[in-house]
Amino acid sequence: MTGKHKAPIGVFDSGVGGLTVVQQLRRLLPAEDILYFGDTARAPYGGREPAEICLFMRQILQFMEERGVKLAVVACNTMTAWGLADAQGRFSFPVIGMDSGVSQALQASPGKRIGVIATAATVNSGKHERDAATLCSNAHFLGQSCPEFVPLIEQELLESSELRQAALAYLQPLRQAGTEAVILGCTHYPVIGSLLREILGAGVTLIDPAAATAQEAKRVLQEQRLEAPQRQGSLRLYVSGDPLRAQRLAAMILQDVQVEILHASMEEKEINRLEA
């Protein structure tokens, strides 16, 4: 075991949605320190060009490297789809992305009729569709982009009529297609899981890939002998935008877990501690 076993796991997303992955990591790996970064000042990423997504991802990974993480988890489907292959091998620590959720969706769908809701960039990448075709030659796949979801969630409009109307419009094609399992292809979407279940109905299974992603992180730590000693792990949260909004959303997602809130400017590379 090397000295790196005491280093934190880095987790990052375009916003606060990746905290749904942090929640699973803390459940599965309670001894690990976690350093989280949400690029809330530049969110959402879903409408950005792939080259810009990859650039932002490298900036965040450099931020993680400067803080000595032992593993980075890309808790963002958009960055996983467009930037993971480019990032792996560039840094001194392993980088893993979001599990696609396709395998779980196929298992939950007797008729192999699966769908994914995600950002436009993730849907346009074709990643989920390729995974489905590879795993099952007769899978019926439908991708649906949901561009309004992330901005509305980041603005804390979780009970708004705008969010409900957007959800009704986005999910209608999936219902009409007889989809049996729907993958939450964005880490923000579990936050509105109850609304999605209500609209899709009891006959549709929602697949959240966060748990499978946490399992992969555990596997990599074990394989490389980087597991933390038995203790209670800590959590530090960095955001590039409004820390107060991030704090409120973090408290909701993490069920009132006390987190240290810091502000990080990617452009200026400045870190300013803020009171939680």
C-alpha atoms as a PDB file:
ATOM      1  CA  MET A   1       0.000   0.000   0.000  1.00  0.00           C
ATOM      2  CA  THR A   2       1.432   3.386  -0.986  1.00  0.00           C
ATOM      3  CA  GLY A   3       1.038   6.778   0.651  1.00  0.00           C
ATOM      4  CA  LYS A   4      -1.557   7.597  -1.978  1.00  0.00           C
ATOM      5  CA  HIS A   5      -4.176   5.529  -0.150  1.00  0.00           C
ATOM      6  CA  LYS A   6      -4.849   8.518   2.132  1.00  0.00           C
ATOM      7  CA  ALA A   7      -5.417  10.902  -0.806  1.00  0.00           C
ATOM      8  CA  PRO A   8      -8.967  11.963  -1.739  1.00  0.00           C
ATOM      9  CA  ILE A   9     -11.135  10.744  -4.578  1.00  0.00           C
ATOM     10  CA  GLY A  10     -11.922  13.556  -6.998  1.00  0.00           C
ATOM     11  CA  VAL A  11     -15.465  13.753  -8.364  1.00  0.00           C
ATOM     12  CA  PHE A  12     -16.675  16.391 -10.813  1.00  0.00           C
ATOM     13  CA  ASP A  13     -19.616  17.511 -12.915  1.00  0.00           C
ATOM     14  CA  SER A  14     -20.805  20.545 -14.835  1.00  0.00           C
ATOM     15  CA  GLY A  15     -22.949  21.421 -11.808  1.00  0.00           C
ATOM     16  CA  VAL A  16     -24.329  19.916  -8.618  1.00  0.00           C
ATOM     17  CA  GLY A  17     -25.864  16.840 -10.266  1.00  0.00           C
ATOM     18  CA  GLY A  18     -22.712  14.818  -9.703  1.00  0.00           C
ATOM     19  CA  LEU A  19     -23.480  14.889  -5.984  1.00  0.00           C
ATOM     20  CA  THR A  20     -25.918  12.047  -6.707  1.00  0.00           C
ATOM     21  CA  VAL A  21     -22.799   9.998  -7.499  1.00  0.00           C
ATOM     22  CA  VAL A  22     -21.062  11.310  -4.372  1.00  0.00           C
ATOM     23  CA  GLN A  23     -24.036  10.040  -2.374  1.00  0.00           C
ATOM     24  CA  GLN A  24     -23.443   6.520  -3.714  1.00  0.00           C
ATOM     25  CA  LEU A  25     -19.684   6.733  -3.187  1.00  0.00           C
ATOM     26  CA  ARG A  26     -20.143   7.761   0.453  1.00  0.00           C
ATOM     27  CA  ARG A  27     -22.510   4.844   0.989  1.00  0.00           C
ATOM     28  CA  LEU A  28     -20.170   2.318  -0.615  1.00  0.00           C
ATOM     29  CA  LEU A  29     -16.813   3.813   0.467  1.00  0.00           C
ATOM     30  CA  PRO A  30     -17.438   5.599   3.787  1.00  0.00           C
ATOM     31  CA  ALA A  31     -13.733   5.777   4.682  1.00  0.00           C
ATOM     32  CA  GLU A  32     -12.769   7.759   1.590  1.00  0.00           C
ATOM     33  CA  ASP A  33     -12.199  11.509   1.535  1.00  0.00           C
ATOM     34  CA  ILE A  34     -13.989  13.056  -1.443  1.00  0.00           C
ATOM     35  CA  LEU A  35     -13.146  16.303  -3.198  1.00  0.00           C
ATOM     36  CA  TYR A  36     -15.985  17.485  -5.440  1.00  0.00           C
ATOM     37  CA  PHE A  37     -15.984  20.161  -8.124  1.00  0.00           C
ATOM     38  CA  GLY A  38     -19.097  21.487  -9.828  1.00  0.00           C
ATOM     39  CA  ASP A  39     -18.538  23.889 -12.728  1.00  0.00           C
ATOM     40  CA  THR A  40     -21.730  25.770 -11.946  1.00  0.00           C
ATOM     41  CA  ALA A  41     -20.518  29.023 -13.520  1.00  0.00           C
ATOM     42  CA  ARG A  42     -20.305  27.353 -16.945  1.00  0.00           C
ATOM     43  CA  ALA A  43     -23.202  24.906 -16.642  1.00  0.00           C
ATOM     44  CA  PRO A  44     -24.964  23.479 -18.520  1.00  0.00           C
ATOM     45  CA  TYR A  45     -22.531  21.687 -20.806  1.00  0.00           C
ATOM     46  CA  GLY A  46     -25.210  19.933 -22.852  1.00  0.00           C
ATOM     47  CA  GLY A  47     -25.385  22.567 -25.589  1.00  0.00           C
ATOM     48  CA  ARG A  48     -21.642  23.119 -25.898  1.00  0.00           C
ATOM     49  CA  GLU A  49     -19.341  21.906 -28.657  1.00  0.00           C
ATOM     50  CA  PRO A  50     -17.348  18.707 -27.992  1.00  0.00           C
ATOM     51  CA  ALA A  51     -14.001  20.543 -28.177  1.00  0.00           C
ATOM     52  CA  GLU A  52     -15.120  22.972 -25.482  1.00  0.00           C
ATOM     53  CA  ILE A  53     -16.421  20.137 -23.287  1.00  0.00           C
ATOM     54  CA  CYS A  54     -13.042  18.385 -23.549  1.00  0.00           C
ATOM     55  CA  LEU A  55     -11.172  21.611 -22.748  1.00  0.00           C
ATOM     56  CA  PHE A  56     -13.249  22.238 -19.629  1.00  0.00           C
ATOM     57  CA  MET A  57     -12.749  18.631 -18.570  1.00  0.00           C
ATOM     58  CA  ARG A  58      -8.966  18.917 -18.844  1.00  0.00           C
ATOM     59  CA  GLN A  59      -9.028  22.124 -16.805  1.00  0.00           C
ATOM     60  CA  ILE A  60     -10.974  20.408 -14.042  1.00  0.00           C
ATOM     61  CA  LEU A  61      -8.693  17.367 -14.093  1.00  0.00           C
ATOM     62  CA  GLN A  62      -5.683  19.691 -13.768  1.00  0.00           C
ATOM     63  CA  PHE A  63      -7.426  21.233 -10.754  1.00  0.00           C
ATOM     64  CA  MET A  64      -7.818  17.721  -9.331  1.00  0.00           C
ATOM     65  CA  GLU A  65      -4.178  16.853 -10.016  1.00  0.00           C
ATOM     66  CA  GLU A  66      -3.013  19.983  -8.196  1.00  0.00           C
ATOM     67  CA  ARG A  67      -4.924  18.753  -5.142  1.00  0.00           C
ATOM     68  CA  GLY A  68      -3.404  15.302  -5.202  1.00  0.00           C
ATOM     69  CA  VAL A  69      -6.392  13.069  -5.869  1.00  0.00           C
ATOM     70  CA  LYS A  70      -5.755   9.330  -6.243  1.00  0.00           C
ATOM     71  CA  LEU A  71      -8.708   8.690  -8.569  1.00  0.00           C
ATOM     72  CA  ALA A  72     -11.052  10.939 -10.549  1.00  0.00           C
ATOM     73  CA  VAL A  73     -14.689  10.077 -11.211  1.00  0.00           C
ATOM     74  CA  VAL A  74     -16.311  11.947 -14.091  1.00  0.00           C
ATOM     75  CA  ALA A  75     -19.800  12.283 -12.604  1.00  0.00           C
ATOM     76  CA  CYS A  76     -21.156  13.718 -15.835  1.00  0.00           C
ATOM     77  CA  ASN A  77     -22.481  11.773 -18.813  1.00  0.00           C
ATOM     78  CA  THR A  78     -21.722  14.591 -21.260  1.00  0.00           C
ATOM     79  CA  MET A  79     -18.043  14.739 -20.290  1.00  0.00           C
ATOM     80  CA  THR A  80     -17.870  10.942 -20.157  1.00  0.00           C
ATOM     81  CA  ALA A  81     -19.268  10.656 -23.679  1.00  0.00           C
ATOM     82  CA  TRP A  82     -17.031  13.257 -25.274  1.00  0.00           C
ATOM     83  CA  GLY A  83     -13.915  13.563 -23.121  1.00  0.00           C
ATOM     84  CA  LEU A  84     -13.181  10.370 -21.200  1.00  0.00           C
ATOM     85  CA  ALA A  85     -11.100   8.632 -23.867  1.00  0.00           C
ATOM     86  CA  ASP A  86      -9.062  11.801 -24.378  1.00  0.00           C
ATOM     87  CA  ALA A  87      -8.460  12.268 -20.629  1.00  0.00           C
ATOM     88  CA  GLN A  88      -7.463   8.736 -19.693  1.00  0.00           C
ATOM     89  CA  GLY A  89      -3.699   8.388 -19.528  1.00  0.00           C
ATOM     90  CA  ARG A  90      -3.036  12.134 -19.441  1.00  0.00           C
ATOM     91  CA  PHE A  91      -2.868  12.379 -15.651  1.00  0.00           C
ATOM     92  CA  SER A  92      -1.054  10.721 -12.763  1.00  0.00           C
ATOM     93  CA  PHE A  93      -4.232   9.064 -11.479  1.00  0.00           C
ATOM     94  CA  PRO A  94      -6.874   6.819 -13.060  1.00  0.00           C
ATOM     95  CA  VAL A  95      -9.958   8.515 -14.519  1.00  0.00           C
ATOM     96  CA  ILE A  96     -13.270   6.674 -14.774  1.00  0.00           C
ATOM     97  CA  GLY A  97     -16.534   7.855 -16.285  1.00  0.00           C
ATOM     98  CA  MET A  98     -20.216   7.251 -15.736  1.00  0.00           C
ATOM     99  CA  ASP A  99     -21.551   3.761 -16.263  1.00  0.00           C
ATOM    100  CA  SER A 100     -23.969   3.925 -19.200  1.00  0.00           C
ATOM    101  CA  GLY A 101     -26.732   2.035 -17.390  1.00  0.00           C
ATOM    102  CA  VAL A 102     -27.523   0.132 -20.587  1.00  0.00           C
ATOM    103  CA  SER A 103     -26.836  -3.318 -19.145  1.00  0.00           C
ATOM    104  CA  GLN A 104     -29.170  -2.686 -16.184  1.00  0.00           C
ATOM    105  CA  ALA A 105     -31.835  -1.263 -18.500  1.00  0.00           C
ATOM    106  CA  LEU A 106     -31.762  -4.320 -20.759  1.00  0.00           C
ATOM    107  CA  GLN A 107     -32.117  -6.601 -17.737  1.00  0.00           C
ATOM    108  CA  ALA A 108     -35.133  -4.593 -16.566  1.00  0.00           C
ATOM    109  CA  SER A 109     -36.816  -4.579 -19.989  1.00  0.00           C
ATOM    110  CA  PRO A 110     -38.437  -7.876 -21.109  1.00  0.00           C
ATOM    111  CA  GLY A 111     -39.077  -6.495 -24.582  1.00  0.00           C
ATOM    112  CA  LYS A 112     -35.644  -4.800 -24.778  1.00  0.00           C
ATOM    113  CA  ARG A 113     -37.345  -1.437 -25.268  1.00  0.00           C
ATOM    114  CA  ILE A 114     -35.102   1.075 -23.553  1.00  0.00           C
ATOM    115  CA  GLY A 115     -34.687   4.797 -23.631  1.00  0.00           C
ATOM    116  CA  VAL A 116     -32.269   7.380 -22.295  1.00  0.00           C
ATOM    117  CA  ILE A 117     -32.990  10.936 -21.247  1.00  0.00           C
ATOM    118  CA  ALA A 118     -29.912  13.147 -21.262  1.00  0.00           C
ATOM    119  CA  THR A 119     -28.418  16.400 -22.477  1.00  0.00           C
ATOM    120  CA  ALA A 120     -28.356  17.037 -26.202  1.00  0.00           C
ATOM    121  CA  ALA A 121     -24.575  16.527 -26.263  1.00  0.00           C
ATOM    122  CA  THR A 122     -24.876  13.119 -24.601  1.00  0.00           C
ATOM    123  CA  VAL A 123     -27.686  11.956 -26.895  1.00  0.00           C
ATOM    124  CA  ASN A 124     -25.840  13.231 -29.969  1.00  0.00           C
ATOM    125  CA  SER A 125     -22.691  11.331 -28.958  1.00  0.00           C
ATOM    126  CA  GLY A 126     -24.529   8.061 -29.638  1.00  0.00           C
ATOM    127  CA  LYS A 127     -22.765   6.375 -26.711  1.00  0.00           C
ATOM    128  CA  HIS A 128     -25.829   4.795 -25.118  1.00  0.00           C
ATOM    129  CA  GLU A 129     -27.201   3.635 -28.469  1.00  0.00           C
ATOM    130  CA  ARG A 130     -23.871   2.006 -29.393  1.00  0.00           C
ATOM    131  CA  ASP A 131     -23.714   0.257 -26.016  1.00  0.00           C
ATOM    132  CA  ALA A 132     -27.265  -1.031 -26.459  1.00  0.00           C
ATOM    133  CA  ALA A 133     -26.519  -2.373 -29.959  1.00  0.00           C
ATOM    134  CA  THR A 134     -23.348  -4.065 -28.723  1.00  0.00           C
ATOM    135  CA  LEU A 135     -25.062  -5.796 -25.812  1.00  0.00           C
ATOM    136  CA  CYS A 136     -28.298  -6.734 -27.569  1.00  0.00           C
ATOM    137  CA  SER A 137     -28.740  -6.940 -31.335  1.00  0.00           C
ATOM    138  CA  ASN A 138     -32.535  -6.662 -31.134  1.00  0.00           C
ATOM    139  CA  ALA A 139     -32.728  -3.806 -28.633  1.00  0.00           C
ATOM    140  CA  HIS A 140     -35.189  -1.028 -29.386  1.00  0.00           C
ATOM    141  CA  PHE A 141     -33.497   2.210 -28.313  1.00  0.00           C
ATOM    142  CA  LEU A 142     -34.797   5.773 -28.080  1.00  0.00           C
ATOM    143  CA  GLY A 143     -32.722   8.767 -26.996  1.00  0.00           C
ATOM    144  CA  GLN A 144     -34.428  11.946 -25.803  1.00  0.00           C
ATOM    145  CA  SER A 145     -32.592  15.190 -25.085  1.00  0.00           C
ATOM    146  CA  CYS A 146     -33.934  17.318 -22.229  1.00  0.00           C
ATOM    147  CA  PRO A 147     -32.218  20.704 -22.539  1.00  0.00           C
ATOM    148  CA  GLU A 148     -34.327  22.519 -19.952  1.00  0.00           C
ATOM    149  CA  PHE A 149     -33.805  20.061 -17.096  1.00  0.00           C
ATOM    150  CA  VAL A 150     -30.305  21.049 -15.934  1.00  0.00           C
ATOM    151  CA  PRO A 151     -30.874  24.838 -15.946  1.00  0.00           C
ATOM    152  CA  LEU A 152     -34.157  24.451 -14.047  1.00  0.00           C
ATOM    153  CA  ILE A 153     -32.592  22.120 -11.475  1.00  0.00           C
ATOM    154  CA  GLU A 154     -29.558  24.379 -11.016  1.00  0.00           C
ATOM    155  CA  GLN A 155     -31.977  27.303 -10.495  1.00  0.00           C
ATOM    156  CA  GLU A 156     -33.763  25.257  -7.779  1.00  0.00           C
ATOM    157  CA  LEU A 157     -37.071  25.317  -9.712  1.00  0.00           C
ATOM    158  CA  LEU A 158     -37.847  21.745  -8.703  1.00  0.00           C
ATOM    159  CA  GLU A 159     -41.544  22.305  -8.035  1.00  0.00           C
ATOM    160  CA  SER A 160     -42.152  24.713 -10.898  1.00  0.00           C
ATOM    161  CA  SER A 161     -44.748  24.439 -13.629  1.00  0.00           C
ATOM    162  CA  GLU A 162     -41.929  25.005 -16.140  1.00  0.00           C
ATOM    163  CA  LEU A 163     -40.190  21.820 -15.011  1.00  0.00           C
ATOM    164  CA  ARG A 164     -43.402  19.781 -15.082  1.00  0.00           C
ATOM    165  CA  GLN A 165     -44.342  20.998 -18.554  1.00  0.00           C
ATOM    166  CA  ALA A 166     -40.843  20.267 -19.854  1.00  0.00           C
ATOM    167  CA  ALA A 167     -40.960  16.767 -18.361  1.00  0.00           C
ATOM    168  CA  LEU A 168     -44.350  16.062 -19.919  1.00  0.00           C
ATOM    169  CA  ALA A 169     -43.073  17.109 -23.344  1.00  0.00           C
ATOM    170  CA  TYR A 170     -39.768  15.220 -23.121  1.00  0.00           C
ATOM    171  CA  LEU A 171     -41.226  11.980 -21.794  1.00  0.00           C
ATOM    172  CA  GLN A 172     -44.206  11.758 -24.143  1.00  0.00           C
ATOM    173  CA  PRO A 173     -42.212  10.141 -27.021  1.00  0.00           C
ATOM    174  CA  LEU A 174     -40.862   7.519 -24.612  1.00  0.00           C
ATOM    175  CA  ARG A 175     -44.348   6.677 -23.418  1.00  0.00           C
ATOM    176  CA  GLN A 176     -45.691   6.486 -26.964  1.00  0.00           C
ATOM    177  CA  ALA A 177     -42.847   4.129 -27.941  1.00  0.00           C
ATOM    178  CA  GLY A 178     -43.748   1.707 -25.146  1.00  0.00           C
ATOM    179  CA  THR A 179     -40.375   2.086 -23.462  1.00  0.00           C
ATOM    180  CA  GLU A 180     -39.983  -0.297 -20.517  1.00  0.00           C
ATOM    181  CA  ALA A 181     -36.799   1.092 -18.940  1.00  0.00           C
ATOM    182  CA  VAL A 182     -35.457   4.644 -19.028  1.00  0.00           C
ATOM    183  CA  ILE A 183     -31.848   5.480 -18.211  1.00  0.00           C
ATOM    184  CA  LEU A 184     -31.188   8.704 -16.349  1.00  0.00           C
ATOM    185  CA  GLY A 185     -28.375   9.807 -18.634  1.00  0.00           C
ATOM    186  CA  CYS A 186     -27.538  12.915 -16.633  1.00  0.00           C
ATOM    187  CA  THR A 187     -26.511  12.950 -12.983  1.00  0.00           C
ATOM    188  CA  HIS A 188     -28.872  15.851 -12.291  1.00  0.00           C
ATOM    189  CA  TYR A 189     -31.957  13.812 -13.145  1.00  0.00           C
ATOM    190  CA  PRO A 190     -32.232  11.646  -9.986  1.00  0.00           C
ATOM    191  CA  VAL A 191     -33.033  14.905  -8.185  1.00  0.00           C
ATOM    192  CA  ILE A 192     -36.372  14.959 -10.029  1.00  0.00           C
ATOM    193  CA  GLY A 193     -36.862  11.197  -9.994  1.00  0.00           C
ATOM    194  CA  SER A 194     -40.277  11.339  -8.322  1.00  0.00           C
ATOM    195  CA  LEU A 195     -41.636  13.617 -11.059  1.00  0.00           C
ATOM    196  CA  LEU A 196     -40.214  11.384 -13.793  1.00  0.00           C
ATOM    197  CA  ARG A 197     -41.743   8.259 -12.200  1.00  0.00           C
ATOM    198  CA  GLU A 198     -45.110   9.971 -11.897  1.00  0.00           C
ATOM    199  CA  ILE A 199     -45.180  10.895 -15.587  1.00  0.00           C
ATOM    200  CA  LEU A 200     -43.731   7.655 -16.970  1.00  0.00           C
ATOM    201  CA  GLY A 201     -45.954   5.444 -14.818  1.00  0.00           C
ATOM    202  CA  ALA A 202     -45.383   2.386 -12.676  1.00  0.00           C
ATOM    203  CA  GLY A 203     -44.704   0.129 -15.658  1.00  0.00           C
ATOM    204  CA  VAL A 204     -41.464   1.903 -16.545  1.00  0.00           C
ATOM    205  CA  THR A 205     -38.244   1.249 -14.611  1.00  0.00           C
ATOM    206  CA  LEU A 206     -35.896   4.185 -14.043  1.00  0.00           C
ATOM    207  CA  ILE A 207     -32.211   3.284 -14.206  1.00  0.00           C
ATOM    208  CA  ASP A 208     -29.771   5.454 -12.224  1.00  0.00           C
ATOM    209  CA  PRO A 209     -26.167   4.520 -13.181  1.00  0.00           C
ATOM    210  CA  ALA A 210     -24.690   6.217 -10.091  1.00  0.00           C
ATOM    211  CA  ALA A 211     -24.518   3.009  -8.030  1.00  0.00           C
ATOM    212  CA  ALA A 212     -22.747   1.082 -10.801  1.00  0.00           C
ATOM    213  CA  THR A 213     -20.304   3.977 -11.209  1.00  0.00           C
ATOM    214  CA  ALA A 214     -19.505   3.862  -7.482  1.00  0.00           C
ATOM    215  CA  GLN A 215     -18.940   0.109  -7.759  1.00  0.00           C
ATOM    216  CA  GLU A 216     -16.425   0.699 -10.567  1.00  0.00           C
ATOM    217  CA  ALA A 217     -14.608   3.277  -8.409  1.00  0.00           C
ATOM    218  CA  LYS A 218     -14.377   0.711  -5.619  1.00  0.00           C
ATOM    219  CA  ARG A 219     -13.049  -1.919  -8.018  1.00  0.00           C
ATOM    220  CA  VAL A 220     -10.311   0.408  -9.298  1.00  0.00           C
ATOM    221  CA  LEU A 221      -9.254   1.379  -5.770  1.00  0.00           C
ATOM    222  CA  GLN A 222      -9.023  -2.272  -4.761  1.00  0.00           C
ATOM    223  CA  GLU A 223      -7.169  -3.249  -7.925  1.00  0.00           C
ATOM    224  CA  GLN A 224      -4.558  -0.523  -7.406  1.00  0.00           C
ATOM    225  CA  ARG A 225      -4.409  -0.972  -3.610  1.00  0.00           C
ATOM    226  CA  LEU A 226      -5.516   2.610  -2.996  1.00  0.00           C
ATOM    227  CA  GLU A 227      -8.268   2.018  -0.441  1.00  0.00           C
ATOM    228  CA  ALA A 228      -8.306   4.385   2.528  1.00  0.00           C
ATOM    229  CA  PRO A 229      -7.698   3.106   6.056  1.00  0.00           C
ATOM    230  CA  GLN A 230     -10.780   2.548   8.202  1.00  0.00           C
ATOM    231  CA  ARG A 231     -12.066   5.919   9.358  1.00  0.00           C
ATOM    232  CA  GLN A 232     -14.836   8.374   8.617  1.00  0.00           C
ATOM    233  CA  GLY A 233     -14.173  10.056   5.294  1.00  0.00           C
ATOM    234  CA  SER A 234     -14.635  13.776   4.684  1.00  0.00           C
ATOM    235  CA  LEU A 235     -16.260  15.739   1.881  1.00  0.00           C
ATOM    236  CA  ARG A 236     -15.161  19.060   0.412  1.00  0.00           C
ATOM    237  CA  LEU A 237     -17.272  20.803  -2.191  1.00  0.00           C
ATOM    238  CA  TYR A 238     -15.920  23.289  -4.723  1.00  0.00           C
ATOM    239  CA  VAL A 239     -18.059  25.249  -7.181  1.00  0.00           C
ATOM    240  CA  SER A 240     -17.204  27.842  -9.786  1.00  0.00           C
ATOM    241  CA  GLY A 241     -20.510  29.712  -9.447  1.00  0.00           C
ATOM    242  CA  ASP A 242     -22.796  30.820  -6.604  1.00  0.00           C
ATOM    243  CA  PRO A 243     -21.761  28.881  -3.479  1.00  0.00           C
ATOM    244  CA  LEU A 244     -24.983  29.615  -1.594  1.00  0.00           C
ATOM    245  CA  ARG A 245     -27.154  28.033  -4.296  1.00  0.00           C
ATOM    246  CA  ALA A 246     -24.803  25.075  -4.419  1.00  0.00           C
ATOM    247  CA  GLN A 247     -24.985  24.742  -0.650  1.00  0.00           C
ATOM    248  CA  ARG A 248     -28.785  24.551  -0.676  1.00  0.00           C
ATOM    249  CA  LEU A 249     -28.856  21.957  -3.445  1.00  0.00           C
ATOM    250  CA  ALA A 250     -26.047  19.973  -1.836  1.00  0.00           C
ATOM    251  CA  ALA A 251     -27.942  19.855   1.461  1.00  0.00           C
ATOM    252  CA  MET A 252     -30.987  18.499  -0.372  1.00  0.00           C
ATOM    253  CA  ILE A 253     -29.142  15.892  -2.448  1.00  0.00           C
ATOM    254  CA  LEU A 254     -26.904  14.741   0.393  1.00  0.00           C
ATOM    255  CA  GLN A 255     -29.750  14.815   2.920  1.00  0.00           C
ATOM    256  CA  ASP A 256     -28.409  17.615   5.122  1.00  0.00           C
ATOM    257  CA  VAL A 257     -24.865  16.281   5.267  1.00  0.00           C
ATOM    258  CA  GLN A 258     -22.615  19.125   6.390  1.00  0.00           C
ATOM    259  CA  VAL A 259     -20.162  19.963   3.619  1.00  0.00           C
ATOM    260  CA  GLU A 260     -17.352  22.465   3.328  1.00  0.00           C
ATOM    261  CA  ILE A 261     -18.177  24.996   0.629  1.00  0.00           C
ATOM    262  CA  LEU A 262     -15.389  26.592  -1.383  1.00  0.00           C
ATOM    263  CA  HIS A 263     -15.358  28.724  -4.514  1.00  0.00           C
ATOM    264  CA  ALA A 264     -12.952  27.893  -7.325  1.00  0.00           C
ATOM    265  CA  SER A 265     -12.469  30.055 -10.414  1.00  0.00           C
ATOM    266  CA  MET A 266     -11.301  27.940 -13.321  1.00  0.00           C
ATOM    267  CA  GLU A 267     -10.287  30.968 -15.369  1.00  0.00           C
ATOM    268  CA  GLU A 268      -8.166  32.623 -12.679  1.00  0.00           C
ATOM    269  CA  LYS A 269      -7.132  29.453 -10.826  1.00  0.00           C
ATOM    270  CA  GLU A 270      -8.001  31.104  -7.532  1.00  0.00           C
ATOM    271  CA  ILE A 271      -9.412  29.258  -4.531  1.00  0.00           C
ATOM    272  CA  ASN A 272     -11.280  31.333  -1.974  1.00  0.00           C
ATOM    273  CA  ARG A 273     -12.582  29.734   1.195  1.00  0.00           C
ATOM    274  CA  LEU A 274     -16.160  30.653   2.068  1.00  0.00           C
ATOM    275  CA  GLU A 275     -17.990  30.016   5.288  1.00  0.00           C
ATOM    276  CA  ALA A 276     -20.375  27.083   5.066  1.00  0.00           C
END
